[in-house]
């Protein structure tokens, strides 16, 4: 079997152009109907053949080691959608059709006649490292850097061998009939660019994009990326979704050189990109993209086959850990576990079904600082994306919580509440003292209330406002019941000890991460017999306490669903429903 004549990681554009020329030769060039799918080649190489680990990761640490026009991976959140960009996708070079797909601008002279070129379209996404992303979700920085350095060394060695042997490693093209010489060899040699100097790479890492300084949860050394999307339905990618993009990296030096030689390209570059210069924001021409779930961020998963009771064992050990962190308040720990498993799984009218916000009361500034610090540390080790807000009058009066559209730069300026799905947010209301809220503060308080009640955030487009759905777990610390943030569950916090700040590592921590990421996505159902039990309990509860209404019953149903999921089960059982009712009884006792 003959191997591929091109390196898909080191020279992906060579593979793109060869597959394009092969498709043209096989069927002739029909821009509206030609079946040309270079992505299939990359999918087979990366996933079917298990070579994904060979692709270096693009981030603030690795950028200086990566060569332009190579294949890279970037993980990030879609922070802004910049619309569509037109580009010359195909053109005639003499009598031969060639393509510019997956490049910024034309690499070769373009014919003057418009009949000899095809203008195509691609989408532009401004992506940032996920706000509040915790370090354990990313590969170890040393491992990433070592892979990038190894990759660079391998490419230098390959070029050295080619020079010594006087042979181009891409002189041969695999066809259906075997191996033959390729007329594209010269073009592919032109694709091989020398390494960009470390000086140019450092200009990217040291320069902050105009929007980075106000993106919550991002260090100054983190790297945004302008991702260009091809041949994908708009419904596949949404604002605030977290994706892994695999594609061709382009940087400042090559882009400027191409622009200097390509007069036609200027007419197709959007004005918005002037505020995102390539020396500050690298470009990635996406070949493959995948939406990431919490389970995709795990390093490993426990083996289930040999341990049928594994889920219950992990649940019990995590519950013990939460109880210790919460100062041996077992009731708070049980409710905290349900809170951590909650997510919005449906929306009915204005109701976000599945959310379960939690308000711990009876906390002073000192106790909130102590236990809040311990919980924050514990959640950072357990959850992918975590945030904290110290709520003060000054904070409310000055911060930008909602994203706002800047029409001068045609950019969406991010706000604190522009968060990825599944983010956890702790709000410390114990720091709130007497004071006067200005118009900004009143608006921010309203935004927080809407997020708590409706799981929605209003985006400010100046001339109108648009509600965007959110899925954020909210935990509120307060002295009394919060008036700003009406949580689903209010529980007076009663610790009996200082609480544990013990650092947990190893298999236990990995098992807890897997548990929280996996069981919260389980389906759920209630059989007809249990429905009768629920109806009878609701009637009895309302007869005993007329203040109980539909919102209470909805909360109980959510807790029942989460209780079943916490044991790894998909159908509500009588035992788990009784456990929910007992938690409610104990909670109401405390409220008295």
Protein backbone atom coordinates (compact mmCIF):
# COMPACT_ATOMS: atom_id res chain seq x y z
CA UNK A 1 0.00 0.00 0.00
CA UNK A 2 1.37 3.40 -1.00
CA UNK A 3 1.28 6.12 1.65
CA UNK A 4 -0.10 9.60 1.16
CA UNK A 5 2.21 11.89 -0.83
CA UNK A 6 1.57 14.79 1.53
CA UNK A 7 1.74 15.39 5.26
CA UNK A 8 -1.79 16.31 6.35
CA UNK A 9 -0.49 18.02 9.50
CA UNK A 10 2.51 19.87 8.06
CA UNK A 11 1.00 20.70 4.67
CA UNK A 12 -2.82 20.49 4.74
CA UNK A 13 -3.18 22.96 1.85
CA UNK A 14 -1.20 20.61 -0.36
CA UNK A 15 -3.77 17.91 0.39
CA UNK A 16 -6.63 20.34 -0.27
CA UNK A 17 -5.28 21.37 -3.66
CA UNK A 18 -4.44 17.85 -4.77
CA UNK A 19 -7.91 16.56 -3.93
CA UNK A 20 -9.41 19.55 -5.74
CA UNK A 21 -7.34 18.91 -8.88
CA UNK A 22 -8.19 15.23 -8.74
CA UNK A 23 -11.93 16.01 -8.51
CA UNK A 24 -11.66 18.44 -11.44
CA UNK A 25 -9.81 15.87 -13.54
CA UNK A 26 -12.36 13.17 -12.73
CA UNK A 27 -15.57 15.08 -13.41
CA UNK A 28 -14.77 18.47 -14.83
CA UNK A 29 -15.30 21.69 -12.90
CA UNK A 30 -18.93 22.50 -12.16
CA UNK A 31 -18.90 24.98 -9.24
CA UNK A 32 -22.48 24.30 -8.21
CA UNK A 33 -22.45 20.52 -8.45
CA UNK A 34 -18.90 19.20 -8.17
CA UNK A 35 -18.56 16.63 -5.38
CA UNK A 36 -15.32 17.74 -3.74
CA UNK A 37 -14.89 16.75 -0.11
CA UNK A 38 -11.33 17.20 1.23
CA UNK A 39 -12.82 17.13 4.75
CA UNK A 40 -13.48 13.38 4.41
CA UNK A 41 -9.76 12.80 3.93
CA UNK A 42 -8.94 14.68 7.14
CA UNK A 43 -11.70 12.96 9.13
CA UNK A 44 -10.37 9.56 8.10
CA UNK A 45 -6.80 10.52 9.01
CA UNK A 46 -7.63 12.19 12.34
CA UNK A 47 -10.42 10.01 13.72
CA UNK A 48 -10.61 6.70 11.86
CA UNK A 49 -6.84 6.28 11.95
CA UNK A 50 -6.43 7.86 15.42
CA UNK A 51 -4.02 10.67 14.53
CA UNK A 52 -5.77 13.54 16.31
CA UNK A 53 -3.03 13.71 18.97
CA UNK A 54 -0.54 14.61 16.24
CA UNK A 55 -2.28 17.94 15.66
CA UNK A 56 -0.77 20.66 17.89
CA UNK A 57 -3.03 22.82 20.06
CA UNK A 58 -3.19 26.57 19.42
CA UNK A 59 -3.14 28.71 22.56
CA UNK A 60 -1.20 31.57 24.14
CA UNK A 61 1.67 29.29 25.11
CA UNK A 62 2.10 27.35 21.87
CA UNK A 63 1.60 30.11 19.28
CA UNK A 64 5.33 30.91 19.06
CA UNK A 65 6.10 27.31 18.12
CA UNK A 66 3.49 26.82 15.42
CA UNK A 67 4.22 27.31 11.72
CA UNK A 68 1.71 29.01 9.41
CA UNK A 69 -0.24 26.89 6.91
CA UNK A 70 -0.09 23.86 9.22
CA UNK A 71 -2.97 21.98 10.84
CA UNK A 72 -3.82 23.07 14.41
CA UNK A 73 -6.58 22.63 17.00
CA UNK A 74 -8.25 25.48 18.87
CA UNK A 75 -10.78 25.13 21.68
CA UNK A 76 -12.90 28.13 22.47
CA UNK A 77 -16.28 29.79 22.91
CA UNK A 78 -18.00 31.64 20.06
CA UNK A 79 -18.01 35.16 21.51
CA UNK A 80 -19.14 37.05 18.40
CA UNK A 81 -20.42 36.25 14.91
CA UNK A 82 -18.99 38.63 12.32
CA UNK A 83 -21.18 37.67 9.40
CA UNK A 84 -20.05 36.31 6.04
CA UNK A 85 -17.04 37.02 3.88
CA UNK A 86 -16.78 36.60 0.11
CA UNK A 87 -13.58 35.27 -1.42
CA UNK A 88 -12.28 33.97 -4.73
CA UNK A 89 -12.75 30.26 -4.15
CA UNK A 90 -11.61 28.95 -7.53
CA UNK A 91 -9.90 30.41 -10.57
CA UNK A 92 -8.24 29.39 -13.81
CA UNK A 93 -4.45 29.28 -13.92
CA UNK A 94 -3.99 29.08 -17.66
CA UNK A 95 -6.18 26.15 -18.61
CA UNK A 96 -6.16 24.55 -15.16
CA UNK A 97 -8.67 25.25 -12.39
CA UNK A 98 -7.18 25.84 -8.92
CA UNK A 99 -8.67 26.71 -5.51
CA UNK A 100 -8.07 29.25 -2.74
CA UNK A 101 -10.33 27.45 -0.26
CA UNK A 102 -8.98 27.36 3.32
CA UNK A 103 -6.61 30.29 2.65
CA UNK A 104 -7.01 33.98 3.41
CA UNK A 105 -6.37 35.28 -0.09
CA UNK A 106 -5.21 34.10 -3.49
CA UNK A 107 -1.86 32.33 -3.66
CA UNK A 108 -1.51 32.62 -7.44
CA UNK A 109 -2.24 35.24 -10.12
CA UNK A 110 -5.95 35.47 -10.84
CA UNK A 111 -7.26 35.80 -14.38
CA UNK A 112 -8.84 39.11 -15.31
CA UNK A 113 -12.01 37.62 -16.71
CA UNK A 114 -14.75 37.12 -14.15
CA UNK A 115 -15.82 34.05 -16.07
CA UNK A 116 -12.58 32.37 -15.04
CA UNK A 117 -13.14 32.66 -11.29
CA UNK A 118 -15.79 31.64 -8.78
CA UNK A 119 -16.69 33.77 -5.74
CA UNK A 120 -17.62 31.68 -2.72
CA UNK A 121 -18.70 32.52 0.83
CA UNK A 122 -17.51 31.67 4.34
CA UNK A 123 -18.63 32.59 7.87
CA UNK A 124 -16.48 34.51 10.35
CA UNK A 125 -16.53 33.65 14.07
CA UNK A 126 -14.60 35.47 16.79
CA UNK A 127 -13.72 32.85 19.39
CA UNK A 128 -12.08 33.23 22.80
CA UNK A 129 -10.80 30.81 25.43
CA UNK A 130 -13.87 29.73 27.42
CA UNK A 131 -14.54 32.23 30.26
CA UNK A 132 -13.83 30.64 33.63
CA UNK A 133 -12.35 27.47 32.13
CA UNK A 134 -10.38 25.55 34.74
CA UNK A 135 -6.90 24.30 33.98
CA UNK A 136 -7.64 20.59 34.50
CA UNK A 137 -9.84 20.57 31.37
CA UNK A 138 -6.84 21.33 29.15
CA UNK A 139 -3.87 19.08 28.34
CA UNK A 140 -0.89 19.72 30.59
CA UNK A 141 0.97 22.79 29.34
CA UNK A 142 4.32 20.98 29.34
CA UNK A 143 2.84 18.17 27.23
CA UNK A 144 1.33 20.64 24.74
CA UNK A 145 4.58 22.59 24.44
CA UNK A 146 6.63 19.42 24.05
CA UNK A 147 4.34 18.23 21.22
CA UNK A 148 4.60 21.59 19.47
CA UNK A 149 8.39 21.64 19.81
CA UNK A 150 8.61 18.02 18.63
CA UNK A 151 6.39 18.89 15.67
CA UNK A 152 8.63 21.84 14.74
CA UNK A 153 11.77 19.69 15.06
CA UNK A 154 10.24 16.94 12.93
CA UNK A 155 9.41 19.40 10.14
CA UNK A 156 12.92 20.86 10.19
CA UNK A 157 14.37 17.36 10.02
CA UNK A 158 12.09 16.47 7.11
CA UNK A 159 13.21 19.55 5.17
CA UNK A 160 16.85 18.71 5.94
CA UNK A 161 16.42 15.16 4.60
CA UNK A 162 14.70 16.44 1.48
CA UNK A 163 17.53 18.90 0.83
CA UNK A 164 20.18 16.20 1.40
CA UNK A 165 18.53 13.70 -0.90
CA UNK A 166 17.55 16.22 -3.56
CA UNK A 167 14.09 14.64 -3.69
CA UNK A 168 10.76 16.27 -2.99
CA UNK A 169 8.64 14.07 -0.72
CA UNK A 170 5.49 15.17 -2.53
CA UNK A 171 6.58 14.41 -6.10
CA UNK A 172 4.17 11.51 -6.24
CA UNK A 173 0.41 11.60 -6.31
CA UNK A 174 -1.73 8.65 -5.32
CA UNK A 175 -4.44 7.95 -7.88
CA UNK A 176 -6.92 5.17 -8.38
CA UNK A 177 -4.47 3.54 -10.78
CA UNK A 178 -1.47 3.63 -8.45
CA UNK A 179 1.34 6.17 -8.13
CA UNK A 180 2.07 8.80 -10.71
CA UNK A 181 3.92 12.09 -11.02
CA UNK A 182 1.89 15.14 -10.13
CA UNK A 183 1.82 18.35 -12.16
CA UNK A 184 1.13 20.08 -8.85
CA UNK A 185 4.55 19.37 -7.39
CA UNK A 186 5.81 22.87 -8.07
CA UNK A 187 2.74 24.40 -6.45
CA UNK A 188 3.10 22.18 -3.40
CA UNK A 189 6.74 23.16 -3.02
CA UNK A 190 5.60 26.76 -3.00
CA UNK A 191 3.29 25.87 -0.10
CA UNK A 192 6.28 24.98 2.08
CA UNK A 193 7.10 28.23 3.87
CA UNK A 194 10.04 28.79 6.22
CA UNK A 195 9.20 29.11 9.88
CA UNK A 196 7.81 32.43 10.96
CA UNK A 197 10.32 34.17 13.20
CA UNK A 198 9.75 33.98 16.92
CA UNK A 199 9.59 37.77 16.88
CA UNK A 200 6.42 37.69 14.80
CA UNK A 201 4.92 35.02 17.02
CA UNK A 202 5.73 37.00 20.14
CA UNK A 203 3.90 40.00 18.69
CA UNK A 204 0.74 37.88 18.86
CA UNK A 205 1.22 36.71 22.42
CA UNK A 206 2.23 40.11 23.71
CA UNK A 207 -0.47 42.15 21.95
CA UNK A 208 -3.94 42.14 23.46
CA UNK A 209 -6.92 42.29 21.16
CA UNK A 210 -9.18 45.31 21.94
CA UNK A 211 -11.81 43.09 23.52
CA UNK A 212 -9.65 40.73 25.56
CA UNK A 213 -9.16 42.92 28.60
CA UNK A 214 -12.86 42.76 29.46
CA UNK A 215 -13.56 39.13 28.67
CA UNK A 216 -14.31 37.55 32.07
CA UNK A 217 -12.07 34.71 33.20
CA UNK A 218 -9.37 35.21 30.55
CA UNK A 219 -5.73 35.84 31.40
CA UNK A 220 -3.86 38.48 29.44
CA UNK A 221 -1.72 35.76 27.84
CA UNK A 222 -4.73 33.86 26.49
CA UNK A 223 -5.28 33.91 22.77
CA UNK A 224 -8.45 34.69 20.78
CA UNK A 225 -8.88 33.33 17.28
CA UNK A 226 -10.78 34.34 14.15
CA UNK A 227 -12.29 31.11 12.82
CA UNK A 228 -13.44 30.92 9.19
CA UNK A 229 -16.17 28.33 8.61
CA UNK A 230 -16.88 26.61 5.30
CA UNK A 231 -19.86 24.54 4.08
CA UNK A 232 -21.68 24.36 7.44
CA UNK A 233 -25.34 25.21 8.17
CA UNK A 234 -25.80 28.29 10.35
CA UNK A 235 -27.79 26.26 12.86
CA UNK A 236 -24.68 24.17 13.65
CA UNK A 237 -22.88 27.03 15.39
CA UNK A 238 -24.45 29.36 17.94
CA UNK A 239 -23.25 32.23 20.08
CA UNK A 240 -21.64 31.07 23.36
CA UNK A 241 -21.27 27.44 22.21
CA UNK A 242 -17.95 25.78 23.00
CA UNK A 243 -16.22 24.13 20.06
CA UNK A 244 -13.02 22.45 19.04
CA UNK A 245 -11.95 23.74 15.63
CA UNK A 246 -9.39 21.90 13.51
CA UNK A 247 -8.03 23.79 10.56
CA UNK A 248 -5.25 25.65 8.78
CA UNK A 249 -3.43 28.36 10.77
CA UNK A 250 -2.53 31.67 9.12
CA UNK A 251 -0.52 34.46 10.74
CA UNK A 252 0.43 38.10 10.18
CA UNK A 253 3.51 37.84 7.95
CA UNK A 254 2.05 35.54 5.31
CA UNK A 255 -1.32 37.34 5.27
CA UNK A 256 0.33 40.73 4.68
CA UNK A 257 2.51 39.28 1.92
CA UNK A 258 -0.50 37.75 0.22
CA UNK A 259 -2.49 40.98 0.47
CA UNK A 260 0.38 42.91 -1.13
CA UNK A 261 0.25 40.61 -4.15
CA UNK A 262 -3.51 40.27 -4.44
CA UNK A 263 -5.40 43.38 -5.50
CA UNK A 264 -8.75 41.59 -5.81
CA UNK A 265 -8.74 40.33 -2.25
CA UNK A 266 -9.21 43.78 -0.75
CA UNK A 267 -12.72 44.00 -2.11
CA UNK A 268 -13.77 40.92 -0.18
CA UNK A 269 -12.32 41.72 3.27
CA UNK A 270 -14.93 42.89 5.77
CA UNK A 271 -14.45 46.26 7.48
CA UNK A 272 -14.94 44.56 10.85
CA UNK A 273 -11.64 42.73 10.43
CA UNK A 274 -9.74 46.01 10.52
CA UNK A 275 -10.27 45.96 14.30
CA UNK A 276 -8.93 42.39 14.51
CA UNK A 277 -5.51 42.66 12.84
CA UNK A 278 -3.82 39.31 12.19
CA UNK A 279 -0.78 40.28 14.26
CA UNK A 280 -3.11 40.23 17.27
CA UNK A 281 -5.70 37.59 16.33
CA UNK A 282 -4.55 34.53 14.33
CA UNK A 283 -6.83 33.08 11.65
CA UNK A 284 -7.94 29.48 11.53
CA UNK A 285 -9.55 28.11 8.36
CA UNK A 286 -11.74 25.39 9.78
CA UNK A 287 -11.85 21.95 8.18
CA UNK A 288 -13.63 20.13 11.03
CA UNK A 289 -15.50 21.43 14.06
CA UNK A 290 -17.14 19.68 16.99
CA UNK A 291 -19.31 21.08 19.79
CA UNK A 292 -17.79 20.11 23.13
CA UNK A 293 -19.81 18.71 26.02
CA UNK A 294 -18.50 18.48 29.59
CA UNK A 295 -17.62 14.82 28.99
CA UNK A 296 -15.31 15.85 26.11
CA UNK A 297 -13.16 17.81 28.57
CA UNK A 298 -12.39 14.81 30.79
CA UNK A 299 -8.98 13.18 30.75
CA UNK A 300 -10.34 9.70 31.47
CA UNK A 301 -13.46 7.76 32.46
CA UNK A 302 -13.80 4.93 34.99
CA UNK A 303 -14.31 1.37 33.79
CA UNK A 304 -18.00 0.53 34.27
CA UNK A 305 -18.22 -3.12 33.25
CA UNK A 306 -16.51 -4.63 36.28
CA UNK A 307 -18.28 -2.40 38.83
CA UNK A 308 -22.07 -2.32 38.43
CA UNK A 309 -22.46 -0.24 41.61
CA UNK A 310 -19.79 2.25 40.60
CA UNK A 311 -22.17 5.20 40.18
CA UNK A 312 -23.55 4.77 43.70
CA UNK A 313 -20.03 4.43 45.12
CA UNK A 314 -18.91 7.62 43.39
CA UNK A 315 -22.08 9.40 44.55
CA UNK A 316 -21.48 8.40 48.17
CA UNK A 317 -17.82 9.49 48.12
CA UNK A 318 -18.65 12.84 46.46
CA UNK A 319 -21.43 13.45 48.96
CA UNK A 320 -18.97 12.82 51.81
CA UNK A 321 -16.56 15.28 50.22
CA UNK A 322 -19.24 17.98 49.87
CA UNK A 323 -20.37 17.38 53.46
CA UNK A 324 -16.80 17.88 54.69
CA UNK A 325 -16.34 21.05 52.63
CA UNK A 326 -19.65 22.40 53.99
CA UNK A 327 -18.66 21.90 57.61
CA UNK A 328 -20.65 18.68 58.14
CA UNK A 329 -23.98 20.20 57.10
CA UNK A 330 -25.43 17.04 55.55
CA UNK A 331 -28.70 18.61 54.40
CA UNK A 332 -26.86 21.41 52.57
CA UNK A 333 -24.54 18.80 51.01
CA UNK A 334 -27.47 16.74 49.65
CA UNK A 335 -29.08 19.84 48.14
CA UNK A 336 -25.70 20.99 46.79
CA UNK A 337 -25.29 17.68 44.96
CA UNK A 338 -28.68 18.11 43.26
CA UNK A 339 -27.75 21.70 42.43
CA UNK A 340 -24.49 20.59 40.76
CA UNK A 341 -26.37 18.05 38.63
CA UNK A 342 -29.00 20.53 37.44
CA UNK A 343 -29.22 21.83 33.87
CA UNK A 344 -31.85 23.39 31.63
CA UNK A 345 -33.18 20.49 29.55
CA UNK A 346 -36.34 22.14 28.19
CA UNK A 347 -38.15 25.47 27.97
CA UNK A 348 -41.92 25.78 28.32
CA UNK A 349 -43.22 29.31 27.77
CA UNK A 350 -41.04 31.37 30.11
CA UNK A 351 -40.00 28.47 32.34
CA UNK A 352 -36.50 26.99 32.12
CA UNK A 353 -37.22 23.38 33.09
CA UNK A 354 -34.44 21.67 35.01
CA UNK A 355 -32.70 24.62 36.65
CA UNK A 356 -32.14 24.47 40.42
CA UNK A 357 -30.53 27.58 41.86
CA UNK A 358 -29.52 27.44 45.53
CA UNK A 359 -29.44 30.19 48.16
CA UNK A 360 -27.44 29.49 51.34
CA UNK A 361 -28.59 31.93 54.04
CA UNK A 362 -27.46 32.73 57.60
CA UNK A 363 -23.98 33.63 56.35
CA UNK A 364 -21.93 36.59 57.56
CA UNK A 365 -19.12 38.23 55.59
CA UNK A 366 -16.58 36.18 57.52
CA UNK A 367 -18.31 32.81 57.20
CA UNK A 368 -19.11 33.47 53.53
CA UNK A 369 -15.46 34.24 52.92
CA UNK A 370 -14.36 31.04 54.67
CA UNK A 371 -16.87 28.56 53.29
CA UNK A 372 -17.19 30.40 50.00
CA UNK A 373 -13.44 30.10 49.47
CA UNK A 374 -13.57 26.37 50.21
CA UNK A 375 -16.52 25.81 47.89
CA UNK A 376 -14.93 27.89 45.12
CA UNK A 377 -11.77 25.82 45.35
CA UNK A 378 -13.75 22.56 45.38
CA UNK A 379 -15.86 23.58 42.36
CA UNK A 380 -12.78 24.61 40.38
CA UNK A 381 -11.51 21.08 40.78
CA UNK A 382 -14.85 19.49 39.90
CA UNK A 383 -16.48 21.64 37.20
CA UNK A 384 -15.19 22.78 33.79
CA UNK A 385 -16.26 26.46 33.98
CA UNK A 386 -16.61 28.39 37.27
CA UNK A 387 -17.07 32.07 38.17
CA UNK A 388 -17.53 34.20 41.28
CA UNK A 389 -19.12 37.63 41.71
CA UNK A 390 -18.62 39.64 44.93
CA UNK A 391 -21.86 41.62 44.87
CA UNK A 392 -21.39 45.21 46.08
CA UNK A 393 -23.11 48.50 45.27
CA UNK A 394 -19.94 49.73 43.59
CA UNK A 395 -19.75 46.57 41.47
CA UNK A 396 -23.38 46.80 40.36
CA UNK A 397 -23.02 50.50 39.53
CA UNK A 398 -19.95 50.08 37.34
CA UNK A 399 -19.69 46.63 35.75
CA UNK A 400 -20.99 45.62 32.32
CA UNK A 401 -22.97 42.44 32.89
CA UNK A 402 -24.73 42.29 29.51
CA UNK A 403 -22.90 42.15 26.16
CA UNK A 404 -23.30 45.31 24.07
CA UNK A 405 -23.03 45.94 20.34
CA UNK A 406 -20.41 48.50 19.29
CA UNK A 407 -21.49 49.73 15.87
CA UNK A 408 -18.27 51.71 15.30
CA UNK A 409 -16.22 48.53 15.28
CA UNK A 410 -19.19 46.31 14.35
CA UNK A 411 -18.30 44.09 17.29
CA UNK A 412 -20.18 42.55 20.20
CA UNK A 413 -18.41 43.70 23.37
CA UNK A 414 -18.67 40.93 25.90
CA UNK A 415 -20.16 41.20 29.38
CA UNK A 416 -19.70 39.25 32.61
CA UNK A 417 -22.86 37.22 31.96
CA UNK A 418 -21.82 36.06 28.49
CA UNK A 419 -21.03 32.55 29.69
CA UNK A 420 -20.76 29.11 28.16
CA UNK A 421 -23.51 26.54 28.69
CA UNK A 422 -22.97 24.60 31.93
CA UNK A 423 -21.05 27.38 33.70
CA UNK A 424 -21.30 27.62 37.49
CA UNK A 425 -21.67 31.07 39.09
CA UNK A 426 -21.27 31.89 42.79
CA UNK A 427 -22.70 35.26 43.88
CA UNK A 428 -21.69 36.53 47.32
CA UNK A 429 -24.42 38.90 48.49
CA UNK A 430 -23.00 39.19 52.01
CA UNK A 431 -20.69 41.95 50.75
CA UNK A 432 -23.68 44.11 49.79
CA UNK A 433 -23.96 47.13 52.09
CA UNK A 434 -26.35 50.07 52.20
CA UNK A 435 -26.00 52.38 49.23
CA UNK A 436 -27.73 53.86 46.21
CA UNK A 437 -27.89 52.10 42.87
CA UNK A 438 -27.57 54.29 39.80
CA UNK A 439 -29.28 53.44 36.50
CA UNK A 440 -26.50 50.99 35.61
CA UNK A 441 -26.83 49.27 38.98
CA UNK A 442 -30.62 48.96 38.69
CA UNK A 443 -30.25 47.46 35.22
CA UNK A 444 -27.56 45.02 36.41
CA UNK A 445 -29.74 43.90 39.33
CA UNK A 446 -32.56 43.24 36.85
CA UNK A 447 -30.22 41.23 34.61
CA UNK A 448 -29.14 39.04 37.54
CA UNK A 449 -32.77 38.51 38.58
CA UNK A 450 -33.71 37.45 35.03
CA UNK A 451 -30.80 35.04 34.86
CA UNK A 452 -31.84 33.47 38.18
CA UNK A 453 -35.55 33.21 37.37
CA UNK A 454 -35.64 32.71 33.59
CA UNK A 455 -32.12 31.62 32.64
CA UNK A 456 -31.97 34.41 30.07
CA UNK A 457 -29.58 37.31 29.47
CA UNK A 458 -30.54 40.46 27.59
CA UNK A 459 -27.99 41.53 24.96
CA UNK A 460 -27.93 45.26 24.28
CA UNK A 461 -27.95 46.08 20.55
CA UNK A 462 -28.45 49.82 21.29
CA UNK A 463 -31.62 50.16 19.19
CA UNK A 464 -33.19 47.04 20.65
CA UNK A 465 -32.52 44.29 23.18
CA UNK A 466 -32.51 40.59 22.52
CA UNK A 467 -32.96 37.84 25.11
CA UNK A 468 -30.47 34.99 24.79
CA UNK A 469 -31.08 31.65 26.50
CA UNK A 470 -28.55 30.68 29.17
CA UNK A 471 -27.79 27.59 31.24
CA UNK A 472 -25.88 28.73 34.32
CA UNK A 473 -25.93 27.09 37.76
CA UNK A 474 -26.34 29.84 40.38
CA UNK A 475 -25.27 29.55 44.02
CA UNK A 476 -26.03 32.58 46.23
CA UNK A 477 -24.56 33.40 49.64
CA UNK A 478 -26.59 35.82 51.76
CA UNK A 479 -27.42 36.72 55.36
CA UNK A 480 -31.18 36.48 54.86
CA UNK A 481 -33.21 35.31 51.89
CA UNK A 482 -31.95 37.16 48.81
CA UNK A 483 -34.33 39.81 47.48
CA UNK A 484 -32.25 40.42 44.34
CA UNK A 485 -31.81 36.77 43.35
CA UNK A 486 -34.93 34.65 43.95
CA UNK A 487 -33.44 31.13 44.07
CA UNK A 488 -35.34 27.89 43.60
CA UNK A 489 -34.16 26.51 46.95
CA UNK A 490 -33.49 28.60 50.06
CA UNK A 491 -31.74 26.80 52.92
CA UNK A 492 -30.39 28.22 56.20
CA UNK A 493 -26.78 27.08 56.35
CA UNK A 494 -25.84 25.31 59.64
CA UNK A 495 -22.23 24.06 59.67
CA UNK A 496 -20.95 22.30 62.76
CA UNK A 497 -17.24 22.56 61.95
CA UNK A 498 -14.85 24.82 60.08
CA UNK A 499 -15.03 22.72 56.93
CA UNK A 500 -12.40 20.90 54.94
CA UNK A 501 -10.02 22.52 52.46
CA UNK A 502 -8.25 19.24 51.81
CA UNK A 503 -6.83 18.95 48.31
CA UNK A 504 -8.19 15.85 46.59
CA UNK A 505 -6.31 14.40 43.65
CA UNK A 506 -5.95 11.24 41.63
CA UNK A 507 -8.63 8.71 40.76
CA UNK A 508 -11.25 10.02 43.21
CA UNK A 509 -11.22 13.49 41.67
CA UNK A 510 -11.33 12.13 38.12
CA UNK A 511 -14.24 9.85 39.08
CA UNK A 512 -16.18 12.78 40.54
CA UNK A 513 -15.61 14.87 37.39
CA UNK A 514 -16.80 12.00 35.23
CA UNK A 515 -19.85 11.48 37.47
CA UNK A 516 -20.95 15.14 37.36
CA UNK A 517 -20.42 15.36 33.60
CA UNK A 518 -22.14 12.08 32.77
CA UNK A 519 -25.18 11.52 34.99
CA UNK A 520 -26.59 15.04 34.51
CA UNK A 521 -27.24 14.25 30.84
CA UNK A 522 -29.23 11.06 31.52
CA UNK A 523 -32.81 10.93 30.12
CA UNK A 524 -35.69 10.81 32.58
CA UNK A 525 -39.23 9.43 32.71
CA UNK A 526 -42.07 8.86 35.18
CA UNK A 527 -44.31 5.81 34.82
CA UNK A 528 -48.10 5.91 35.27
CA UNK A 529 -48.04 4.43 38.79
CA UNK A 530 -45.58 7.05 40.02
CA UNK A 531 -47.65 9.81 38.41
CA UNK A 532 -50.60 8.79 40.63
CA UNK A 533 -48.35 8.85 43.70
CA UNK A 534 -47.14 12.36 42.78
CA UNK A 535 -50.69 13.62 42.28
CA UNK A 536 -51.81 12.22 45.64
CA UNK A 537 -48.81 13.75 47.42
CA UNK A 538 -49.49 17.14 45.84
CA UNK A 539 -53.12 17.09 46.97
CA UNK A 540 -52.12 16.05 50.51
CA UNK A 541 -49.42 18.73 50.68
CA UNK A 542 -51.80 21.48 49.61
CA UNK A 543 -54.38 20.37 52.14
CA UNK A 544 -51.73 20.57 54.87
CA UNK A 545 -50.29 23.91 53.67
CA UNK A 546 -52.33 26.21 51.40
CA UNK A 547 -49.20 28.25 50.53
CA UNK A 548 -47.82 25.39 48.43
CA UNK A 549 -48.38 26.11 44.76
CA UNK A 550 -47.43 24.95 41.28
CA UNK A 551 -43.92 26.40 41.54
CA UNK A 552 -43.26 24.16 44.58
CA UNK A 553 -44.50 21.10 42.75
CA UNK A 554 -42.36 21.93 39.72
CA UNK A 555 -39.34 22.22 42.01
CA UNK A 556 -40.10 18.85 43.58
CA UNK A 557 -40.35 17.24 40.15
CA UNK A 558 -36.98 18.73 39.22
CA UNK A 559 -35.47 17.46 42.48
CA UNK A 560 -36.97 14.01 41.82
CA UNK A 561 -35.42 13.92 38.38
CA UNK A 562 -32.03 14.97 39.78
CA UNK A 563 -32.27 12.48 42.64
CA UNK A 564 -32.82 9.63 40.16
CA UNK A 565 -29.94 10.87 38.01
CA UNK A 566 -27.65 11.06 41.04
CA UNK A 567 -28.00 7.27 41.36
CA UNK A 568 -27.52 6.78 37.62
CA UNK A 569 -31.20 5.88 37.06
CA UNK A 570 -33.52 7.22 34.35
CA UNK A 571 -36.94 6.55 35.88
CA UNK A 572 -38.24 8.10 39.10
CA UNK A 573 -38.74 5.48 41.81
CA UNK A 574 -40.85 5.69 44.96
CA UNK A 575 -37.69 5.50 47.11
CA UNK A 576 -36.08 8.50 45.41
CA UNK A 577 -39.32 10.51 45.56
CA UNK A 578 -39.54 9.84 49.29
CA UNK A 579 -35.93 11.02 49.66
CA UNK A 580 -36.90 14.30 47.97
CA UNK A 581 -39.88 14.72 50.26
CA UNK A 582 -37.69 14.12 53.30
CA UNK A 583 -35.18 16.75 52.14
CA UNK A 584 -38.06 19.19 51.72
CA UNK A 585 -39.38 18.40 55.20
CA UNK A 586 -35.98 18.98 56.79
CA UNK A 587 -35.48 22.20 54.82
CA UNK A 588 -38.87 23.58 55.89
CA UNK A 589 -38.06 22.73 59.50
CA UNK A 590 -34.96 24.93 59.24
CA UNK A 591 -36.90 27.77 57.68
CA UNK A 592 -39.17 27.88 60.74
